[in-house]
Amino acid sequence: MPVDKFGGGRGRKLVRTLLAGTEGWTVATTNGNHIRLTGPAGELVFIAATPSDFRALQNNRALLRRITRQTQTRS
């Protein structure tokens, strides 16, 4: 997971916290200050690198859990 490409510690910390406990997700940055997460089955999730909502981390973590759960039940 190449988190070293993120500017500043805030985006890096967000990605590490968000992906803790998940397997197979890859991380890339976009030109518009967003983070692109690609799941193990090819799912794409775009999140803000600097979220303004205090619940953004929890909401994004829940989103990744739901996506992971859905792809596991399909397999």
C-alpha atoms as a PDB file:
ATOM      1  CA  MET A   1       0.000   0.000   0.000  1.00  0.00           C
ATOM      2  CA  PRO A   2       1.944   3.082  -1.190  1.00  0.00           C
ATOM      3  CA  VAL A   3       0.788   5.671   1.340  1.00  0.00           C
ATOM      4  CA  ASP A   4       4.032   7.657   1.088  1.00  0.00           C
ATOM      5  CA  LYS A   5       2.725   9.554  -1.948  1.00  0.00           C
ATOM      6  CA  PHE A   6       0.161  11.469   0.103  1.00  0.00           C
ATOM      7  CA  GLY A   7       0.974  15.039   0.970  1.00  0.00           C
ATOM      8  CA  GLY A   8       0.959  15.736   4.663  1.00  0.00           C
ATOM      9  CA  GLY A   9       0.336  13.375   7.518  1.00  0.00           C
ATOM     10  CA  ARG A  10      -3.416  13.808   7.607  1.00  0.00           C
ATOM     11  CA  GLY A  11      -4.158  11.875   4.405  1.00  0.00           C
ATOM     12  CA  ARG A  12      -1.648   9.175   5.310  1.00  0.00           C
ATOM     13  CA  LYS A  13      -3.159   8.766   8.765  1.00  0.00           C
ATOM     14  CA  LEU A  14      -6.669   8.645   7.304  1.00  0.00           C
ATOM     15  CA  VAL A  15      -5.773   5.846   4.891  1.00  0.00           C
ATOM     16  CA  ARG A  16      -3.905   3.792   7.473  1.00  0.00           C
ATOM     17  CA  THR A  17      -6.760   4.107   9.949  1.00  0.00           C
ATOM     18  CA  LEU A  18      -9.373   3.423   7.312  1.00  0.00           C
ATOM     19  CA  LEU A  19      -7.691   0.320   5.899  1.00  0.00           C
ATOM     20  CA  ALA A  20      -6.756  -1.194   9.249  1.00  0.00           C
ATOM     21  CA  GLY A  21      -8.084  -4.737   9.268  1.00  0.00           C
ATOM     22  CA  THR A  22      -8.965  -4.859   5.572  1.00  0.00           C
ATOM     23  CA  GLU A  23      -7.149  -7.046   3.073  1.00  0.00           C
ATOM     24  CA  GLY A  24      -6.401  -6.552  -0.594  1.00  0.00           C
ATOM     25  CA  TRP A  25      -7.199  -2.841  -0.966  1.00  0.00           C
ATOM     26  CA  THR A  26      -4.788  -0.695  -2.993  1.00  0.00           C
ATOM     27  CA  VAL A  27      -4.425   3.051  -2.635  1.00  0.00           C
ATOM     28  CA  ALA A  28      -3.774   5.799  -5.177  1.00  0.00           C
ATOM     29  CA  THR A  29      -4.225   9.553  -5.253  1.00  0.00           C
ATOM     30  CA  THR A  30      -6.182  11.585  -7.772  1.00  0.00           C
ATOM     31  CA  ASN A  31      -5.313  15.022  -9.122  1.00  0.00           C
ATOM     32  CA  GLY A  32      -8.240  16.535  -7.234  1.00  0.00           C
ATOM     33  CA  ASN A  33      -7.100  15.888  -3.624  1.00  0.00           C
ATOM     34  CA  HIS A  34      -8.996  12.613  -3.303  1.00  0.00           C
ATOM     35  CA  ILE A  35      -7.906   9.094  -2.471  1.00  0.00           C
ATOM     36  CA  ARG A  36      -8.857   6.211  -4.759  1.00  0.00           C
ATOM     37  CA  LEU A  37      -9.226   2.827  -3.087  1.00  0.00           C
ATOM     38  CA  THR A  38      -9.450  -0.267  -5.267  1.00  0.00           C
ATOM     39  CA  GLY A  39     -10.867  -3.382  -3.664  1.00  0.00           C
ATOM     40  CA  PRO A  40      -9.734  -6.954  -4.191  1.00  0.00           C
ATOM     41  CA  ALA A  41     -12.630  -7.626  -6.615  1.00  0.00           C
ATOM     42  CA  GLY A  42     -12.092  -4.372  -8.545  1.00  0.00           C
ATOM     43  CA  GLU A  43     -14.435  -2.137  -6.539  1.00  0.00           C
ATOM     44  CA  LEU A  44     -13.624   1.569  -6.701  1.00  0.00           C
ATOM     45  CA  VAL A  45     -14.133   3.923  -3.772  1.00  0.00           C
ATOM     46  CA  PHE A  46     -13.178   7.595  -3.841  1.00  0.00           C
ATOM     47  CA  ILE A  47     -12.791   9.487  -0.570  1.00  0.00           C
ATOM     48  CA  ALA A  48     -11.648  13.001   0.269  1.00  0.00           C
ATOM     49  CA  ALA A  49      -8.049  13.306   1.441  1.00  0.00           C
ATOM     50  CA  THR A  50      -9.075  16.104   3.791  1.00  0.00           C
ATOM     51  CA  PRO A  51     -12.647  15.363   4.910  1.00  0.00           C
ATOM     52  CA  SER A  52     -14.550  18.204   6.541  1.00  0.00           C
ATOM     53  CA  ASP A  53     -17.107  16.062   8.367  1.00  0.00           C
ATOM     54  CA  PHE A  54     -16.031  14.737  11.738  1.00  0.00           C
ATOM     55  CA  ARG A  55     -17.830  11.442  11.002  1.00  0.00           C
ATOM     56  CA  ALA A  56     -16.187  10.953   7.607  1.00  0.00           C
ATOM     57  CA  LEU A  57     -13.674   8.409   8.890  1.00  0.00           C
ATOM     58  CA  GLN A  58     -16.375   6.289  10.534  1.00  0.00           C
ATOM     59  CA  ASN A  59     -18.648   6.559   7.478  1.00  0.00           C
ATOM     60  CA  ASN A  60     -15.866   5.575   5.072  1.00  0.00           C
ATOM     61  CA  ARG A  61     -14.819   2.673   7.282  1.00  0.00           C
ATOM     62  CA  ALA A  62     -18.426   1.429   7.364  1.00  0.00           C
ATOM     63  CA  LEU A  63     -18.627   1.771   3.575  1.00  0.00           C
ATOM     64  CA  LEU A  64     -15.526  -0.389   3.110  1.00  0.00           C
ATOM     65  CA  ARG A  65     -16.907  -3.000   5.519  1.00  0.00           C
ATOM     66  CA  ARG A  66     -20.198  -3.142   3.595  1.00  0.00           C
ATOM     67  CA  ILE A  67     -18.422  -3.464   0.248  1.00  0.00           C
ATOM     68  CA  THR A  68     -16.119  -6.184   1.584  1.00  0.00           C
ATOM     69  CA  ARG A  69     -19.051  -8.074   3.096  1.00  0.00           C
ATOM     70  CA  GLN A  70     -21.045  -7.880  -0.150  1.00  0.00           C
ATOM     71  CA  THR A  71     -18.170  -9.166  -2.268  1.00  0.00           C
ATOM     72  CA  GLN A  72     -17.544 -12.026   0.152  1.00  0.00           C
ATOM     73  CA  THR A  73     -21.158 -13.176   0.008  1.00  0.00           C
ATOM     74  CA  ARG A  74     -21.116 -13.117  -3.820  1.00  0.00           C
ATOM     75  CA  SER A  75     -18.089 -15.414  -3.974  1.00  0.00           C
END
